[in-house]
Amino acid sequence: MKIAQKAKMKRMFNEAGIQVNINALNMLDDQLDRLVHRWVQNTKDGNVRRLTPELLWIALGKFIQNP
C-alpha cells in the first residue's frame, strides 16, 4: 500500500543534501505502512472508536500517559 508521497519524501532528503533512490523510497514507504498498521492495531486494542488528540498516546503505544 502506498502511504507516503514519494516526491515529497525525496524533496525532504534532497533539501538535507542527501540523495535517495527509488528503492530506498519504497523501503521507507513500507516502513511507514508498518508503522501506521501498528498505530491502528494499538488504537483498536485500546478500544478507541474515535481517535482524538487527547487519545493519540494510545495509537502511538505510549500506554503510560504523561500528565
PDB file of N, CA and C in Angstrom:
ATOM      1  N   MET A   1       0.846  -1.172   0.000  1.00  0.00           N
ATOM      2  CA  MET A   1       0.000   0.000   0.000  1.00  0.00           C
ATOM      3  C   MET A   1       0.893   1.238   0.000  1.00  0.00           C
ATOM      4  N   LYS A   2       0.550   2.189  -0.812  1.00  0.00           N
ATOM      5  CA  LYS A   2       1.304   3.447  -0.853  1.00  0.00           C
ATOM      6  C   LYS A   2       0.820   4.349   0.273  1.00  0.00           C
ATOM      7  N   ILE A   3       1.729   4.718   1.155  1.00  0.00           N
ATOM      8  CA  ILE A   3       1.389   5.569   2.290  1.00  0.00           C
ATOM      9  C   ILE A   3       1.865   7.001   2.051  1.00  0.00           C
ATOM     10  N   ALA A   4       3.113   7.135   1.634  1.00  0.00           N
ATOM     11  CA  ALA A   4       3.733   8.459   1.550  1.00  0.00           C
ATOM     12  C   ALA A   4       3.766   8.978   0.122  1.00  0.00           C
ATOM     13  N   GLN A   5       3.874  10.273   0.005  1.00  0.00           N
ATOM     14  CA  GLN A   5       4.119  10.904  -1.285  1.00  0.00           C
ATOM     15  C   GLN A   5       5.625  10.868  -1.497  1.00  0.00           C
ATOM     16  N   LYS A   6       6.049   9.994  -2.402  1.00  0.00           N
ATOM     17  CA  LYS A   6       7.482   9.785  -2.586  1.00  0.00           C
ATOM     18  C   LYS A   6       8.191  11.049  -3.058  1.00  0.00           C
ATOM     19  N   ALA A   7       7.532  11.866  -3.880  1.00  0.00           N
ATOM     20  CA  ALA A   7       8.159  13.107  -4.333  1.00  0.00           C
ATOM     21  C   ALA A   7       8.455  14.019  -3.147  1.00  0.00           C
ATOM     22  N   LYS A   8       7.535  14.073  -2.194  1.00  0.00           N
ATOM     23  CA  LYS A   8       7.736  14.915  -1.015  1.00  0.00           C
ATOM     24  C   LYS A   8       8.867  14.362  -0.147  1.00  0.00           C
ATOM     25  N   MET A   9       8.897  13.030   0.025  1.00  0.00           N
ATOM     26  CA  MET A   9       9.971  12.424   0.808  1.00  0.00           C
ATOM     27  C   MET A   9      11.326  12.680   0.151  1.00  0.00           C
ATOM     28  N   LYS A  10      11.387  12.498  -1.173  1.00  0.00           N
ATOM     29  CA  LYS A  10      12.632  12.703  -1.891  1.00  0.00           C
ATOM     30  C   LYS A  10      13.084  14.162  -1.757  1.00  0.00           C
ATOM     31  N   ARG A  11      12.163  15.095  -1.872  1.00  0.00           N
ATOM     32  CA  ARG A  11      12.483  16.515  -1.736  1.00  0.00           C
ATOM     33  C   ARG A  11      13.061  16.816  -0.354  1.00  0.00           C
ATOM     34  N   MET A  12      12.489  16.206   0.682  1.00  0.00           N
ATOM     35  CA  MET A  12      12.983  16.445   2.037  1.00  0.00           C
ATOM     36  C   MET A  12      14.421  15.950   2.192  1.00  0.00           C
ATOM     37  N   PHE A  13      14.711  14.769   1.644  1.00  0.00           N
ATOM     38  CA  PHE A  13      16.077  14.260   1.688  1.00  0.00           C
ATOM     39  C   PHE A  13      17.008  15.165   0.883  1.00  0.00           C
ATOM     40  N   ASN A  14      16.570  15.555  -0.307  1.00  0.00           N
ATOM     41  CA  ASN A  14      17.400  16.404  -1.164  1.00  0.00           C
ATOM     42  C   ASN A  14      17.696  17.749  -0.510  1.00  0.00           C
ATOM     43  N   GLU A  15      16.722  18.323   0.179  1.00  0.00           N
ATOM     44  CA  GLU A  15      16.938  19.594   0.876  1.00  0.00           C
ATOM     45  C   GLU A  15      17.982  19.466   1.982  1.00  0.00           C
ATOM     46  N   ALA A  16      18.122  18.244   2.501  1.00  0.00           N
ATOM     47  CA  ALA A  16      19.130  17.994   3.529  1.00  0.00           C
ATOM     48  C   ALA A  16      20.470  17.596   2.906  1.00  0.00           C
ATOM     49  N   GLY A  17      20.525  17.591   1.558  1.00  0.00           N
ATOM     50  CA  GLY A  17      21.766  17.246   0.869  1.00  0.00           C
ATOM     51  C   GLY A  17      21.998  15.757   0.735  1.00  0.00           C
ATOM     52  N   ILE A  18      20.929  14.972   0.820  1.00  0.00           N
ATOM     53  CA  ILE A  18      21.032  13.515   0.754  1.00  0.00           C
ATOM     54  C   ILE A  18      20.350  13.026  -0.503  1.00  0.00           C
ATOM     55  N   GLN A  19      21.085  12.221  -1.272  1.00  0.00           N
ATOM     56  CA  GLN A  19      20.484  11.606  -2.452  1.00  0.00           C
ATOM     57  C   GLN A  19      19.826  10.299  -2.026  1.00  0.00           C
ATOM     58  N   VAL A  20      18.651  10.031  -2.586  1.00  0.00           N
ATOM     59  CA  VAL A  20      17.929   8.809  -2.239  1.00  0.00           C
ATOM     60  C   VAL A  20      17.332   8.243  -3.525  1.00  0.00           C
ATOM     61  N   ASN A  21      17.489   6.928  -3.712  1.00  0.00           N
ATOM     62  CA  ASN A  21      16.940   6.332  -4.929  1.00  0.00           C
ATOM     63  C   ASN A  21      15.560   5.746  -4.668  1.00  0.00           C
ATOM     64  N   ILE A  22      14.919   5.304  -5.746  1.00  0.00           N
ATOM     65  CA  ILE A  22      13.539   4.829  -5.658  1.00  0.00           C
ATOM     66  C   ILE A  22      13.404   3.587  -4.776  1.00  0.00           C
ATOM     67  N   ASN A  23      14.418   2.717  -4.783  1.00  0.00           N
ATOM     68  CA  ASN A  23      14.348   1.521  -3.933  1.00  0.00           C
ATOM     69  C   ASN A  23      14.345   1.889  -2.457  1.00  0.00           C
ATOM     70  N   ALA A  24      15.169   2.859  -2.092  1.00  0.00           N
ATOM     71  CA  ALA A  24      15.194   3.317  -0.702  1.00  0.00           C
ATOM     72  C   ALA A  24      13.865   3.973  -0.337  1.00  0.00           C
ATOM     73  N   LEU A  25      13.295   4.756  -1.261  1.00  0.00           N
ATOM     74  CA  LEU A  25      11.990   5.374  -1.003  1.00  0.00           C
ATOM     75  C   LEU A  25      10.911   4.322  -0.820  1.00  0.00           C
ATOM     76  N   ASN A  26      10.954   3.272  -1.631  1.00  0.00           N
ATOM     77  CA  ASN A  26       9.979   2.187  -1.486  1.00  0.00           C
ATOM     78  C   ASN A  26      10.120   1.489  -0.140  1.00  0.00           C
ATOM     79  N   MET A  27      11.357   1.300   0.310  1.00  0.00           N
ATOM     80  CA  MET A  27      11.577   0.665   1.608  1.00  0.00           C
ATOM     81  C   MET A  27      11.091   1.558   2.751  1.00  0.00           C
ATOM     82  N   LEU A  28      11.322   2.861   2.637  1.00  0.00           N
ATOM     83  CA  LEU A  28      10.820   3.791   3.646  1.00  0.00           C
ATOM     84  C   LEU A  28       9.292   3.787   3.669  1.00  0.00           C
ATOM     85  N   ASP A  29       8.684   3.733   2.484  1.00  0.00           N
ATOM     86  CA  ASP A  29       7.228   3.687   2.395  1.00  0.00           C
ATOM     87  C   ASP A  29       6.691   2.421   3.059  1.00  0.00           C
ATOM     88  N   ASP A  30       7.391   1.306   2.868  1.00  0.00           N
ATOM     89  CA  ASP A  30       6.987   0.055   3.510  1.00  0.00           C
ATOM     90  C   ASP A  30       7.058   0.182   5.030  1.00  0.00           C
ATOM     91  N   GLN A  31       8.106   0.834   5.529  1.00  0.00           N
ATOM     92  CA  GLN A  31       8.226   1.025   6.974  1.00  0.00           C
ATOM     93  C   GLN A  31       7.113   1.920   7.512  1.00  0.00           C
ATOM     94  N   LEU A  32       6.762   2.954   6.757  1.00  0.00           N
ATOM     95  CA  LEU A  32       5.649   3.823   7.166  1.00  0.00           C
ATOM     96  C   LEU A  32       4.343   3.042   7.212  1.00  0.00           C
ATOM     97  N   ASP A  33       4.153   2.164   6.230  1.00  0.00           N
ATOM     98  CA  ASP A  33       2.957   1.335   6.197  1.00  0.00           C
ATOM     99  C   ASP A  33       2.866   0.461   7.445  1.00  0.00           C
ATOM    100  N   ARG A  34       3.990  -0.147   7.817  1.00  0.00           N
ATOM    101  CA  ARG A  34       4.021  -0.987   9.028  1.00  0.00           C
ATOM    102  C   ARG A  34       3.737  -0.162  10.287  1.00  0.00           C
ATOM    103  N   LEU A  35       4.290   1.050  10.324  1.00  0.00           N
ATOM    104  CA  LEU A  35       4.085   1.920  11.479  1.00  0.00           C
ATOM    105  C   LEU A  35       2.616   2.310  11.612  1.00  0.00           C
ATOM    106  N   VAL A  36       1.991   2.673  10.509  1.00  0.00           N
ATOM    107  CA  VAL A  36       0.575   3.051  10.550  1.00  0.00           C
ATOM    108  C   VAL A  36      -0.280   1.851  10.953  1.00  0.00           C
ATOM    109  N   HIS A  37       0.048   0.667  10.446  1.00  0.00           N
ATOM    110  CA  HIS A  37      -0.694  -0.529  10.856  1.00  0.00           C
ATOM    111  C   HIS A  37      -0.556  -0.765  12.370  1.00  0.00           C
ATOM    112  N   ARG A  38       0.638  -0.519  12.910  1.00  0.00           N
ATOM    113  CA  ARG A  38       0.838  -0.671  14.353  1.00  0.00           C
ATOM    114  C   ARG A  38      -0.021   0.334  15.115  1.00  0.00           C
ATOM    115  N   TRP A  39      -0.083   1.584  14.622  1.00  0.00           N
ATOM    116  CA  TRP A  39      -0.926   2.599  15.264  1.00  0.00           C
ATOM    117  C   TRP A  39      -2.387   2.182  15.248  1.00  0.00           C
ATOM    118  N   VAL A  40      -2.833   1.656  14.123  1.00  0.00           N
ATOM    119  CA  VAL A  40      -4.227   1.210  14.007  1.00  0.00           C
ATOM    120  C   VAL A  40      -4.493   0.088  15.001  1.00  0.00           C
ATOM    121  N   GLN A  41      -3.576  -0.889  15.069  1.00  0.00           N
ATOM    122  CA  GLN A  41      -3.779  -2.008  15.985  1.00  0.00           C
ATOM    123  C   GLN A  41      -3.757  -1.549  17.439  1.00  0.00           C
ATOM    124  N   ASN A  42      -2.844  -0.623  17.779  1.00  0.00           N
ATOM    125  CA  ASN A  42      -2.805  -0.089  19.150  1.00  0.00           C
ATOM    126  C   ASN A  42      -4.124   0.590  19.497  1.00  0.00           C
ATOM    127  N   THR A  43      -4.661   1.357  18.556  1.00  0.00           N
ATOM    128  CA  THR A  43      -5.920   2.059  18.790  1.00  0.00           C
ATOM    129  C   THR A  43      -7.059   1.070  18.967  1.00  0.00           C
ATOM    130  N   LYS A  44      -7.080   0.057  18.128  1.00  0.00           N
ATOM    131  CA  LYS A  44      -8.117  -0.975  18.228  1.00  0.00           C
ATOM    132  C   LYS A  44      -7.989  -1.737  19.542  1.00  0.00           C
ATOM    133  N   ASP A  45      -6.762  -2.115  19.912  1.00  0.00           N
ATOM    134  CA  ASP A  45      -6.538  -2.833  21.169  1.00  0.00           C
ATOM    135  C   ASP A  45      -6.893  -1.976  22.380  1.00  0.00           C
ATOM    136  N   GLY A  46      -6.754  -0.658  22.234  1.00  0.00           N
ATOM    137  CA  GLY A  46      -7.101   0.269  23.314  1.00  0.00           C
ATOM    138  C   GLY A  46      -8.587   0.566  23.378  1.00  0.00           C
ATOM    139  N   ASN A  47      -9.369  -0.104  22.519  1.00  0.00           N
ATOM    140  CA  ASN A  47     -10.826   0.031  22.491  1.00  0.00           C
ATOM    141  C   ASN A  47     -11.256   1.479  22.229  1.00  0.00           C
ATOM    142  N   VAL A  48     -10.517   2.142  21.331  1.00  0.00           N
ATOM    143  CA  VAL A  48     -10.825   3.518  20.959  1.00  0.00           C
ATOM    144  C   VAL A  48     -11.583   3.497  19.640  1.00  0.00           C
ATOM    145  N   ARG A  49     -12.753   4.109  19.624  1.00  0.00           N
ATOM    146  CA  ARG A  49     -13.552   4.136  18.405  1.00  0.00           C
ATOM    147  C   ARG A  49     -13.385   5.431  17.627  1.00  0.00           C
ATOM    148  N   ARG A  50     -12.989   6.495  18.310  1.00  0.00           N
ATOM    149  CA  ARG A  50     -12.744   7.776  17.643  1.00  0.00           C
ATOM    150  C   ARG A  50     -11.436   8.335  18.194  1.00  0.00           C
ATOM    151  N   LEU A  51     -10.434   8.419  17.335  1.00  0.00           N
ATOM    152  CA  LEU A  51      -9.133   8.904  17.762  1.00  0.00           C
ATOM    153  C   LEU A  51      -9.125  10.435  17.772  1.00  0.00           C
ATOM    154  N   THR A  52      -8.817  10.981  18.927  1.00  0.00           N
ATOM    155  CA  THR A  52      -8.747  12.429  19.109  1.00  0.00           C
ATOM    156  C   THR A  52      -7.330  12.778  19.590  1.00  0.00           C
ATOM    157  N   PRO A  53      -6.981  14.054  19.555  1.00  0.00           N
ATOM    158  CA  PRO A  53      -5.652  14.430  20.060  1.00  0.00           C
ATOM    159  C   PRO A  53      -5.416  13.983  21.510  1.00  0.00           C
ATOM    160  N   GLU A  54      -6.462  13.978  22.302  1.00  0.00           N
ATOM    161  CA  GLU A  54      -6.322  13.565  23.707  1.00  0.00           C
ATOM    162  C   GLU A  54      -6.028  12.077  23.843  1.00  0.00           C
ATOM    163  N   LEU A  55      -6.408  11.281  22.847  1.00  0.00           N
ATOM    164  CA  LEU A  55      -6.199   9.839  22.901  1.00  0.00           C
ATOM    165  C   LEU A  55      -5.074   9.364  21.994  1.00  0.00           C
ATOM    166  N   LEU A  56      -4.368  10.283  21.403  1.00  0.00           N
ATOM    167  CA  LEU A  56      -3.316   9.925  20.455  1.00  0.00           C
ATOM    168  C   LEU A  56      -2.231   9.061  21.091  1.00  0.00           C
ATOM    169  N   TRP A  57      -1.986   9.228  22.380  1.00  0.00           N
ATOM    170  CA  TRP A  57      -0.979   8.441  23.081  1.00  0.00           C
ATOM    171  C   TRP A  57      -1.274   6.953  22.986  1.00  0.00           C
ATOM    172  N   ILE A  58      -2.538   6.580  22.866  1.00  0.00           N
ATOM    173  CA  ILE A  58      -2.893   5.166  22.732  1.00  0.00           C
ATOM    174  C   ILE A  58      -2.420   4.642  21.386  1.00  0.00           C
ATOM    175  N   ALA A  59      -2.675   5.377  20.321  1.00  0.00           N
ATOM    176  CA  ALA A  59      -2.256   4.964  18.982  1.00  0.00           C
ATOM    177  C   ALA A  59      -0.738   4.855  18.894  1.00  0.00           C
ATOM    178  N   LEU A  60      -0.039   5.782  19.543  1.00  0.00           N
ATOM    179  CA  LEU A  60       1.414   5.790  19.476  1.00  0.00           C
ATOM    180  C   LEU A  60       2.039   4.726  20.356  1.00  0.00           C
ATOM    181  N   GLY A  61       1.235   4.060  21.184  1.00  0.00           N
ATOM    182  CA  GLY A  61       1.754   2.990  22.028  1.00  0.00           C
ATOM    183  C   GLY A  61       2.363   3.468  23.316  1.00  0.00           C
ATOM    184  N   LYS A  62       2.073   4.692  23.696  1.00  0.00           N
ATOM    185  CA  LYS A  62       2.603   5.238  24.954  1.00  0.00           C
ATOM    186  C   LYS A  62       1.536   5.044  26.013  1.00  0.00           C
ATOM    187  N   PHE A  63       1.519   3.858  26.584  1.00  0.00           N
ATOM    188  CA  PHE A  63       0.440   3.483  27.490  1.00  0.00           C
ATOM    189  C   PHE A  63       0.580   4.064  28.876  1.00  0.00           C
ATOM    190  N   ILE A  64       1.694   4.713  29.160  1.00  0.00           N
ATOM    191  CA  ILE A  64       1.837   5.452  30.414  1.00  0.00           C
ATOM    192  C   ILE A  64       1.641   6.915  30.050  1.00  0.00           C
ATOM    193  N   GLN A  65       0.429   7.415  30.275  1.00  0.00           N
ATOM    194  CA  GLN A  65       0.081   8.770  29.862  1.00  0.00           C
ATOM    195  C   GLN A  65       0.771   9.777  30.780  1.00  0.00           C
ATOM    196  N   ASN A  66       1.410  10.762  30.170  1.00  0.00           N
ATOM    197  CA  ASN A  66       2.063  11.823  30.944  1.00  0.00           C
ATOM    198  C   ASN A  66       1.020  12.881  31.300  1.00  0.00           C
ATOM    199  N   PRO A  67       1.048  13.352  32.560  1.00  0.00           N
ATOM    200  CA  PRO A  67       0.075  14.381  32.973  1.00  0.00           C
ATOM    201  C   PRO A  67       0.359  15.721  32.327  1.00  0.00           C
TER     202      PRO A  67
END
